[in-house]
């Protein structure tokens, strides 16, 4: 669409404790790029995405910059900004949204920095869906039988129907003013943990549309996930 402005947020402020102390977003992949660079390149392959905000640990901007090739900073009409992340995923996303507000995008895609294999096609389908619905996420079917556990984790409390259950991925796409407003409300909510941005939208804004995700779009958690 003419004049449409889409931003992206990459959350890379975690400590990567389960990766042996080496930050996973800065690990090299077989394609010769770091995990972080692969995500940035995928976003910048979508023409309407003009700005990326990367949430990094405190004093972590230099390391993040070094994980990106110089050409990432020389793409015409594209910007990369850095923001200090928070102590939780929600806080990191909120900090990035506040910075992005100065650039007034129509929509934003919020992505886990540890998912380097999201495709350009997935992002384009998300943008199409968010234009129509205001919020959209990619999901995959649950292949094993899910169980909801008791508070202490020792017993099965509920048996959700697998047919109505899906595994959520990122990026997750939202109308920008509304997701910022929802995050402002979430920041004031006590004693409630939000595990992704779709949950925040669902609590304060309304329904979230789903599109088919990609099995290749896996999240890196352990060293063996890099291959």
C-alpha atoms as a PDB file:
ATOM      1  CA  UNK A   1       0.000   0.000   0.000  1.00  0.00           C
ATOM      2  CA  UNK A   2       1.259   3.483  -0.831  1.00  0.00           C
ATOM      3  CA  UNK A   3       2.545   5.334   2.224  1.00  0.00           C
ATOM      4  CA  UNK A   4       2.339   2.262   4.435  1.00  0.00           C
ATOM      5  CA  UNK A   5       5.058   2.147   7.085  1.00  0.00           C
ATOM      6  CA  UNK A   6       5.874  -1.115   8.867  1.00  0.00           C
ATOM      7  CA  UNK A   7       8.366  -1.495  11.687  1.00  0.00           C
ATOM      8  CA  UNK A   8       9.938  -4.576  13.209  1.00  0.00           C
ATOM      9  CA  UNK A   9      11.223  -5.400  16.679  1.00  0.00           C
ATOM     10  CA  UNK A  10      13.789  -8.114  17.363  1.00  0.00           C
ATOM     11  CA  UNK A  11      14.029  -9.195  20.992  1.00  0.00           C
ATOM     12  CA  UNK A  12      17.641 -10.129  21.740  1.00  0.00           C
ATOM     13  CA  UNK A  13      18.099  -9.021  25.343  1.00  0.00           C
ATOM     14  CA  UNK A  14      18.268 -12.452  26.991  1.00  0.00           C
ATOM     15  CA  UNK A  15      21.319 -14.014  28.592  1.00  0.00           C
ATOM     16  CA  UNK A  16      21.313 -17.344  26.664  1.00  0.00           C
ATOM     17  CA  UNK A  17      22.109 -19.328  29.817  1.00  0.00           C
ATOM     18  CA  UNK A  18      21.247 -22.629  28.137  1.00  0.00           C
ATOM     19  CA  UNK A  19      23.732 -21.974  25.329  1.00  0.00           C
ATOM     20  CA  UNK A  20      26.820 -22.381  27.486  1.00  0.00           C
ATOM     21  CA  UNK A  21      27.216 -18.669  28.136  1.00  0.00           C
ATOM     22  CA  UNK A  22      27.610 -17.674  24.468  1.00  0.00           C
ATOM     23  CA  UNK A  23      24.786 -15.411  23.391  1.00  0.00           C
ATOM     24  CA  UNK A  24      22.767 -17.343  20.847  1.00  0.00           C
ATOM     25  CA  UNK A  25      21.844 -14.340  18.699  1.00  0.00           C
ATOM     26  CA  UNK A  26      25.543 -13.851  17.923  1.00  0.00           C
ATOM     27  CA  UNK A  27      26.294 -17.473  17.005  1.00  0.00           C
ATOM     28  CA  UNK A  28      27.206 -18.220  13.401  1.00  0.00           C
ATOM     29  CA  UNK A  29      24.900 -20.241  11.182  1.00  0.00           C
ATOM     30  CA  UNK A  30      25.757 -22.398   8.183  1.00  0.00           C
ATOM     31  CA  UNK A  31      24.733 -19.534   5.885  1.00  0.00           C
ATOM     32  CA  UNK A  32      27.737 -17.506   7.090  1.00  0.00           C
ATOM     33  CA  UNK A  33      25.566 -15.020   9.007  1.00  0.00           C
ATOM     34  CA  UNK A  34      24.921 -14.732  12.692  1.00  0.00           C
ATOM     35  CA  UNK A  35      21.513 -15.643  14.080  1.00  0.00           C
ATOM     36  CA  UNK A  36      20.743 -11.928  14.520  1.00  0.00           C
ATOM     37  CA  UNK A  37      21.953 -10.990  11.030  1.00  0.00           C
ATOM     38  CA  UNK A  38      19.763 -13.669   9.475  1.00  0.00           C
ATOM     39  CA  UNK A  39      16.668 -12.149  11.088  1.00  0.00           C
ATOM     40  CA  UNK A  40      17.621  -8.616  10.084  1.00  0.00           C
ATOM     41  CA  UNK A  41      18.227  -9.652   6.472  1.00  0.00           C
ATOM     42  CA  UNK A  42      14.874 -11.444   6.338  1.00  0.00           C
ATOM     43  CA  UNK A  43      13.021  -8.365   7.583  1.00  0.00           C
ATOM     44  CA  UNK A  44      14.814  -6.051   5.179  1.00  0.00           C
ATOM     45  CA  UNK A  45      13.880  -8.355   2.276  1.00  0.00           C
ATOM     46  CA  UNK A  46      10.280  -7.149   2.775  1.00  0.00           C
ATOM     47  CA  UNK A  47       9.991  -3.750   1.042  1.00  0.00           C
ATOM     48  CA  UNK A  48       7.425  -2.175   3.412  1.00  0.00           C
ATOM     49  CA  UNK A  49       9.557  -2.849   6.511  1.00  0.00           C
ATOM     50  CA  UNK A  50      11.625   0.299   6.855  1.00  0.00           C
ATOM     51  CA  UNK A  51      12.879   0.268  10.447  1.00  0.00           C
ATOM     52  CA  UNK A  52      14.083  -2.380  12.881  1.00  0.00           C
ATOM     53  CA  UNK A  53      14.498  -1.883  16.634  1.00  0.00           C
ATOM     54  CA  UNK A  54      16.712  -4.465  18.339  1.00  0.00           C
ATOM     55  CA  UNK A  55      16.363  -4.895  22.109  1.00  0.00           C
ATOM     56  CA  UNK A  56      19.763  -5.761  23.603  1.00  0.00           C
ATOM     57  CA  UNK A  57      21.194  -6.295  27.100  1.00  0.00           C
ATOM     58  CA  UNK A  58      22.422  -3.283  29.051  1.00  0.00           C
ATOM     59  CA  UNK A  59      25.646  -2.009  27.441  1.00  0.00           C
ATOM     60  CA  UNK A  60      25.094  -4.540  24.663  1.00  0.00           C
ATOM     61  CA  UNK A  61      24.743  -2.339  21.590  1.00  0.00           C
ATOM     62  CA  UNK A  62      28.344  -2.717  20.453  1.00  0.00           C
ATOM     63  CA  UNK A  63      28.196  -6.511  20.556  1.00  0.00           C
ATOM     64  CA  UNK A  64      24.916  -6.461  18.629  1.00  0.00           C
ATOM     65  CA  UNK A  65      26.369  -4.156  16.001  1.00  0.00           C
ATOM     66  CA  UNK A  66      29.382  -6.426  15.628  1.00  0.00           C
ATOM     67  CA  UNK A  67      27.033  -9.360  14.974  1.00  0.00           C
ATOM     68  CA  UNK A  68      25.659  -7.588  11.907  1.00  0.00           C
ATOM     69  CA  UNK A  69      27.518  -7.142   8.610  1.00  0.00           C
ATOM     70  CA  UNK A  70      28.189  -3.529   7.556  1.00  0.00           C
ATOM     71  CA  UNK A  71      25.759  -3.784   4.664  1.00  0.00           C
ATOM     72  CA  UNK A  72      22.862  -4.047   7.133  1.00  0.00           C
ATOM     73  CA  UNK A  73      23.494  -0.409   8.020  1.00  0.00           C
ATOM     74  CA  UNK A  74      23.744   0.838   4.447  1.00  0.00           C
ATOM     75  CA  UNK A  75      20.443  -0.367   2.999  1.00  0.00           C
ATOM     76  CA  UNK A  76      18.752   2.624   1.383  1.00  0.00           C
ATOM     77  CA  UNK A  77      15.751   4.031   3.278  1.00  0.00           C
ATOM     78  CA  UNK A  78      16.132   1.465   6.083  1.00  0.00           C
ATOM     79  CA  UNK A  79      17.126   2.047   9.699  1.00  0.00           C
ATOM     80  CA  UNK A  80      18.405  -0.127  12.531  1.00  0.00           C
ATOM     81  CA  UNK A  81      18.039   1.183  16.082  1.00  0.00           C
ATOM     82  CA  UNK A  82      19.012  -0.347  19.418  1.00  0.00           C
ATOM     83  CA  UNK A  83      17.248  -0.135  22.766  1.00  0.00           C
ATOM     84  CA  UNK A  84      18.095  -1.515  26.189  1.00  0.00           C
ATOM     85  CA  UNK A  85      15.947  -4.509  27.032  1.00  0.00           C
ATOM     86  CA  UNK A  86      14.238  -5.109  30.347  1.00  0.00           C
ATOM     87  CA  UNK A  87      14.289  -7.905  32.887  1.00  0.00           C
ATOM     88  CA  UNK A  88      11.435  -9.705  31.104  1.00  0.00           C
ATOM     89  CA  UNK A  89      10.383 -10.267  27.518  1.00  0.00           C
ATOM     90  CA  UNK A  90       7.409  -7.965  28.024  1.00  0.00           C
ATOM     91  CA  UNK A  91       9.605  -5.139  29.307  1.00  0.00           C
ATOM     92  CA  UNK A  92      11.991  -5.502  26.374  1.00  0.00           C
ATOM     93  CA  UNK A  93       9.136  -5.376  23.871  1.00  0.00           C
ATOM     94  CA  UNK A  94       7.635  -2.354  25.609  1.00  0.00           C
ATOM     95  CA  UNK A  95      10.949  -0.461  25.571  1.00  0.00           C
ATOM     96  CA  UNK A  96      11.277  -1.160  21.852  1.00  0.00           C
ATOM     97  CA  UNK A  97       7.694  -0.055  21.160  1.00  0.00           C
ATOM     98  CA  UNK A  98       8.266   3.217  23.004  1.00  0.00           C
ATOM     99  CA  UNK A  99      11.315   3.956  20.850  1.00  0.00           C
ATOM    100  CA  UNK A 100       9.492   2.950  17.671  1.00  0.00           C
ATOM    101  CA  UNK A 101       6.616   5.300  18.530  1.00  0.00           C
ATOM    102  CA  UNK A 102       8.773   8.251  17.437  1.00  0.00           C
ATOM    103  CA  UNK A 103       8.646   6.843  13.888  1.00  0.00           C
ATOM    104  CA  UNK A 104       4.871   6.234  13.840  1.00  0.00           C
ATOM    105  CA  UNK A 105       4.605   2.969  11.891  1.00  0.00           C
ATOM    106  CA  UNK A 106       1.204   1.660  10.842  1.00  0.00           C
ATOM    107  CA  UNK A 107       2.065  -1.886  11.877  1.00  0.00           C
ATOM    108  CA  UNK A 108       4.811  -3.691  13.770  1.00  0.00           C
ATOM    109  CA  UNK A 109       6.179  -7.231  13.635  1.00  0.00           C
ATOM    110  CA  UNK A 110       7.622  -8.446  16.955  1.00  0.00           C
ATOM    111  CA  UNK A 111      10.111 -11.275  16.656  1.00  0.00           C
ATOM    112  CA  UNK A 112      12.220 -13.510  18.884  1.00  0.00           C
ATOM    113  CA  UNK A 113      15.886 -12.905  18.129  1.00  0.00           C
ATOM    114  CA  UNK A 114      16.491 -16.636  18.469  1.00  0.00           C
ATOM    115  CA  UNK A 115      14.353 -17.484  15.396  1.00  0.00           C
ATOM    116  CA  UNK A 116      16.676 -16.837  12.434  1.00  0.00           C
ATOM    117  CA  UNK A 117      14.775 -18.904   9.870  1.00  0.00           C
ATOM    118  CA  UNK A 118      11.531 -16.917   9.481  1.00  0.00           C
ATOM    119  CA  UNK A 119      10.969 -16.432   5.772  1.00  0.00           C
ATOM    120  CA  UNK A 120      10.118 -13.359   3.743  1.00  0.00           C
ATOM    121  CA  UNK A 121       6.965 -15.178   2.624  1.00  0.00           C
ATOM    122  CA  UNK A 122       5.830 -15.662   6.230  1.00  0.00           C
ATOM    123  CA  UNK A 123       6.311 -11.970   6.960  1.00  0.00           C
ATOM    124  CA  UNK A 124       4.402 -10.931   3.865  1.00  0.00           C
ATOM    125  CA  UNK A 125       1.495 -13.211   4.800  1.00  0.00           C
ATOM    126  CA  UNK A 126       1.487 -11.755   8.313  1.00  0.00           C
ATOM    127  CA  UNK A 127       1.377  -8.206   6.991  1.00  0.00           C
ATOM    128  CA  UNK A 128      -1.546  -9.117   4.737  1.00  0.00           C
ATOM    129  CA  UNK A 129      -3.380 -10.654   7.714  1.00  0.00           C
ATOM    130  CA  UNK A 130      -2.695  -7.773  10.086  1.00  0.00           C
ATOM    131  CA  UNK A 131      -4.073  -5.290   7.581  1.00  0.00           C
ATOM    132  CA  UNK A 132      -7.341  -7.188   7.681  1.00  0.00           C
ATOM    133  CA  UNK A 133      -7.574  -8.201  11.332  1.00  0.00           C
ATOM    134  CA  UNK A 134      -5.383  -5.824  13.350  1.00  0.00           C
ATOM    135  CA  UNK A 135      -3.439  -8.662  14.973  1.00  0.00           C
ATOM    136  CA  UNK A 136      -2.092 -11.895  13.495  1.00  0.00           C
ATOM    137  CA  UNK A 137       0.328 -14.631  14.498  1.00  0.00           C
ATOM    138  CA  UNK A 138       1.733 -17.771  12.839  1.00  0.00           C
ATOM    139  CA  UNK A 139       0.854 -21.098  14.448  1.00  0.00           C
ATOM    140  CA  UNK A 140       1.666 -24.770  14.001  1.00  0.00           C
ATOM    141  CA  UNK A 141      -0.457 -27.807  14.890  1.00  0.00           C
ATOM    142  CA  UNK A 142       0.271 -29.617  18.165  1.00  0.00           C
ATOM    143  CA  UNK A 143       1.424 -33.115  17.227  1.00  0.00           C
ATOM    144  CA  UNK A 144       1.550 -34.626  20.727  1.00  0.00           C
ATOM    145  CA  UNK A 145      -1.401 -34.770  23.111  1.00  0.00           C
ATOM    146  CA  UNK A 146      -1.313 -31.642  25.325  1.00  0.00           C
ATOM    147  CA  UNK A 147      -1.973 -31.694  29.055  1.00  0.00           C
ATOM    148  CA  UNK A 148      -2.561 -28.808  31.435  1.00  0.00           C
ATOM    149  CA  UNK A 149      -0.883 -29.426  34.781  1.00  0.00           C
ATOM    150  CA  UNK A 150      -1.752 -28.493  38.338  1.00  0.00           C
ATOM    151  CA  UNK A 151      -0.089 -25.500  39.976  1.00  0.00           C
ATOM    152  CA  UNK A 152       2.608 -27.682  41.540  1.00  0.00           C
ATOM    153  CA  UNK A 153       3.216 -29.485  38.242  1.00  0.00           C
ATOM    154  CA  UNK A 154       2.661 -32.905  39.771  1.00  0.00           C
ATOM    155  CA  UNK A 155      -0.724 -33.806  38.305  1.00  0.00           C
ATOM    156  CA  UNK A 156      -2.764 -33.392  35.146  1.00  0.00           C
ATOM    157  CA  UNK A 157      -5.478 -30.792  35.679  1.00  0.00           C
ATOM    158  CA  UNK A 158      -7.066 -30.605  32.262  1.00  0.00           C
ATOM    159  CA  UNK A 159      -6.995 -32.341  28.877  1.00  0.00           C
ATOM    160  CA  UNK A 160      -7.160 -29.661  26.144  1.00  0.00           C
ATOM    161  CA  UNK A 161      -8.387 -30.818  22.768  1.00  0.00           C
ATOM    162  CA  UNK A 162      -5.466 -31.079  20.385  1.00  0.00           C
ATOM    163  CA  UNK A 163      -7.690 -30.004  17.474  1.00  0.00           C
ATOM    164  CA  UNK A 164      -8.207 -26.616  19.144  1.00  0.00           C
ATOM    165  CA  UNK A 165      -4.619 -26.156  20.315  1.00  0.00           C
ATOM    166  CA  UNK A 166      -1.736 -24.631  18.367  1.00  0.00           C
ATOM    167  CA  UNK A 167       1.904 -23.717  18.954  1.00  0.00           C
ATOM    168  CA  UNK A 168       2.557 -20.003  18.482  1.00  0.00           C
ATOM    169  CA  UNK A 169       5.566 -18.653  16.613  1.00  0.00           C
ATOM    170  CA  UNK A 170       6.983 -15.228  15.885  1.00  0.00           C
ATOM    171  CA  UNK A 171       7.023 -12.750  14.247  1.00  0.00           C
ATOM    172  CA  UNK A 172       3.665 -11.596  15.560  1.00  0.00           C
ATOM    173  CA  UNK A 173       2.046  -8.663  13.763  1.00  0.00           C
ATOM    174  CA  UNK A 174      -0.093  -5.866  15.170  1.00  0.00           C
ATOM    175  CA  UNK A 175      -1.517  -2.444  14.432  1.00  0.00           C
ATOM    176  CA  UNK A 176       1.080  -0.246  16.047  1.00  0.00           C
ATOM    177  CA  UNK A 177      -0.930   2.285  18.083  1.00  0.00           C
ATOM    178  CA  UNK A 178      -3.102  -0.452  19.545  1.00  0.00           C
ATOM    179  CA  UNK A 179      -0.274  -2.802  20.585  1.00  0.00           C
ATOM    180  CA  UNK A 180       1.551   0.114  22.200  1.00  0.00           C
ATOM    181  CA  UNK A 181      -1.610   0.986  24.119  1.00  0.00           C
ATOM    182  CA  UNK A 182      -2.019  -2.643  25.175  1.00  0.00           C
ATOM    183  CA  UNK A 183       1.580  -2.791  26.382  1.00  0.00           C
ATOM    184  CA  UNK A 184       1.077   0.364  28.425  1.00  0.00           C
ATOM    185  CA  UNK A 185      -1.813  -1.364  30.176  1.00  0.00           C
ATOM    186  CA  UNK A 186       0.187  -4.555  30.633  1.00  0.00           C
ATOM    187  CA  UNK A 187       2.997  -2.577  32.251  1.00  0.00           C
ATOM    188  CA  UNK A 188       0.554  -1.491  34.957  1.00  0.00           C
ATOM    189  CA  UNK A 189      -0.833  -4.971  35.537  1.00  0.00           C
ATOM    190  CA  UNK A 190       0.421  -6.624  38.702  1.00  0.00           C
ATOM    191  CA  UNK A 191       0.934 -10.328  39.372  1.00  0.00           C
ATOM    192  CA  UNK A 192       0.376 -11.452  35.787  1.00  0.00           C
ATOM    193  CA  UNK A 193       3.026 -12.804  33.467  1.00  0.00           C
ATOM    194  CA  UNK A 194       2.661 -12.324  29.720  1.00  0.00           C
ATOM    195  CA  UNK A 195       4.601 -14.830  27.640  1.00  0.00           C
ATOM    196  CA  UNK A 196       4.066 -13.207  24.257  1.00  0.00           C
ATOM    197  CA  UNK A 197       2.567 -10.126  22.645  1.00  0.00           C
ATOM    198  CA  UNK A 198      -0.493 -11.962  21.344  1.00  0.00           C
ATOM    199  CA  UNK A 199      -1.468 -12.637  24.959  1.00  0.00           C
ATOM    200  CA  UNK A 200      -1.205  -8.917  25.734  1.00  0.00           C
ATOM    201  CA  UNK A 201      -3.311  -8.027  22.691  1.00  0.00           C
ATOM    202  CA  UNK A 202      -5.864 -10.673  23.610  1.00  0.00           C
ATOM    203  CA  UNK A 203      -6.277  -9.335  27.145  1.00  0.00           C
ATOM    204  CA  UNK A 204      -6.558  -5.636  26.321  1.00  0.00           C
ATOM    205  CA  UNK A 205      -7.554  -5.369  22.640  1.00  0.00           C
ATOM    206  CA  UNK A 206      -9.460  -8.399  21.399  1.00  0.00           C
ATOM    207  CA  UNK A 207      -9.126 -11.282  18.984  1.00  0.00           C
ATOM    208  CA  UNK A 208      -5.894 -12.409  17.340  1.00  0.00           C
ATOM    209  CA  UNK A 209      -6.059 -13.952  13.871  1.00  0.00           C
ATOM    210  CA  UNK A 210      -3.878 -16.937  12.981  1.00  0.00           C
ATOM    211  CA  UNK A 211      -2.084 -17.968   9.814  1.00  0.00           C
ATOM    212  CA  UNK A 212      -0.137 -21.168   9.095  1.00  0.00           C
ATOM    213  CA  UNK A 213       3.374 -21.021  10.517  1.00  0.00           C
ATOM    214  CA  UNK A 214       6.509 -22.679   9.175  1.00  0.00           C
ATOM    215  CA  UNK A 215       8.198 -25.764  10.613  1.00  0.00           C
ATOM    216  CA  UNK A 216      11.561 -24.295   9.579  1.00  0.00           C
ATOM    217  CA  UNK A 217      10.894 -21.254  11.771  1.00  0.00           C
ATOM    218  CA  UNK A 218      12.153 -22.976  14.917  1.00  0.00           C
ATOM    219  CA  UNK A 219      13.519 -21.263  18.005  1.00  0.00           C
ATOM    220  CA  UNK A 220      17.103 -21.801  19.098  1.00  0.00           C
ATOM    221  CA  UNK A 221      17.277 -22.815  22.759  1.00  0.00           C
ATOM    222  CA  UNK A 222      20.161 -25.291  22.951  1.00  0.00           C
ATOM    223  CA  UNK A 223      23.434 -25.510  20.953  1.00  0.00           C
ATOM    224  CA  UNK A 224      22.121 -28.471  18.941  1.00  0.00           C
ATOM    225  CA  UNK A 225      19.287 -26.265  17.627  1.00  0.00           C
ATOM    226  CA  UNK A 226      21.784 -24.323  15.508  1.00  0.00           C
ATOM    227  CA  UNK A 227      21.934 -27.063  12.885  1.00  0.00           C
END
